[in-house]
Amino acid sequence: MTVAGYRRVAQSRGRPILSGVPSETAPSPADLTIKVASGMGAVDPAAWDACANPPGARPYNPFVSYGFLSALEESKSATARAGWTPAHALVEDGNGALLAAAPAYLKSHSQGEYVFDHGWADAFERAGGDYYPKLQVCVPFTPATGPRLLTRPGERAPEAREALIAGLAALRDRAGASSTHVTFLPRDEWEDLGARGFLQRTDKQFHWINEGYATFDDFLAALASRKRKAINRERREAVANGISIERLTGGDLTERVWDDFFKFYMDTGGRKWGRPYLTRAFYSLIGERMAKDIVLVMAKRDGRYIAGAINFVGGDALYGRHWGCVEQHPFLHFEVCYYQAIEEAIARKLSRVEAGAQGDHKLARGYLPTTTYSAHDIAHPGLRRAVADYLERERRHVEAMVSEYQDYTPFRREHS
């Protein structure tokens, strides 16, 4: 492995995270070269998207698109200063064509990931180890399942994926990172990494599944009578105070609309996290680049917007992300975030709605427990053993919890 120069772009406890990390390795026997990009700006957009969202190969995922990831960096939402040092792994062939890529970041903290390893970090630090930096393969601030080992289809795809996994291991070692974490990845990638020695972790979310419903009323008809009446009541009361609901996309997403939505995001984010992760510039950038992939549900009263939720449209799913409001009204959150998303997914004939992390209250609104996956490669043998033991017990707990939730779904027994 040859070492090329790499600018010092972040600090961890006073040490440069990427000092000495190679930007390129020596060619492998299969003439594949592994490189590390210090930002999306160093990658050709079309080449990245050919790996991330190859037409016809798998459903489109908006979060691994060049437009979304570059907006995070250009808006200074995911940068070294914020503790997210971009270190995207790339695999090129002998002609310089990009065959595989992974969105990767060297992290100096564990915020904004939604797969929690604070306990691992604390234990390792108390034992005298340095948990940070760590290598995080993910989409920042986005607890939505999607591909992480982005491989361009073709006869060289299998060896390109192998080279990509090897490249992540090399990057972790050269950066002095304690571990590699691949989060919210699909099950096939999870199993693939598990077979290569990664520790396997599971968790749960609540997703709404489209069983071929033609209308929202068709969905309601599948529910138990009591649950159906409760949802109808919530929807009536949500708009009882002169509130109207709008769904905005494409050219509807003006800067004035983003100004209003950002106020909602800041209010909720400030209460949940103390300091919201995303900047105002991020919304302008995705509005320019991804307007057709966005559905903004906005609630209006007395001529002004008072609440909103942003959704991203994938090839087979609607992804609910952020919600906020400047006025509190009963059940408005459920209407804007959950019921409007269901209506939109039915209208677009999408297979599901992913409504983000956590939230047992989603179950009563027709969102079912779904297992999510992450994979972890830990360098220190002692920490690895301890984490492996914990994850074995945690997986059993998650499996039991998902199974138990099935007894409390709102659907009629004959439907279930």
Foldseek 3Di string as FASTA:
>chain_A
DDADADDQFADAVRHRLCGRQGQWDDQDPQQKIKGWDQALVVPDQVLQCLQFPNPPPDWFDVLSHSLQRNLCVVQVLADRVVFWGWTKMFMAHNVRRTFKIFGKTFGNDDPQAQPDDVVLQVVQVVVPHHQGRAMEGDRGNDQAAGAGTGGRDDPCRVVRSVVRVVSVVSSCVSSVHQKYKYFNYDPVVQVVVVVVPWFKFKAKAWKFFCPLDLAVVSVLVQFDPVLSVVVVVLVCQLCVQVKDKDKDFQPRDDLVNLVVAVVFQQVVQCVPPVGDSGDSSSSVSCNVVPRRQKIKMFMDHPHDTFKIWIWGDMRAEIETHGIGGNDDTGSNCCVRQPVVRVRVCSVVVHGMYGRDDDDPVCQSVRTAMDMGMMTMGGDDPVSVVVVSVVRVVNVVVNVVVSVVSVVVHRGDPVSD
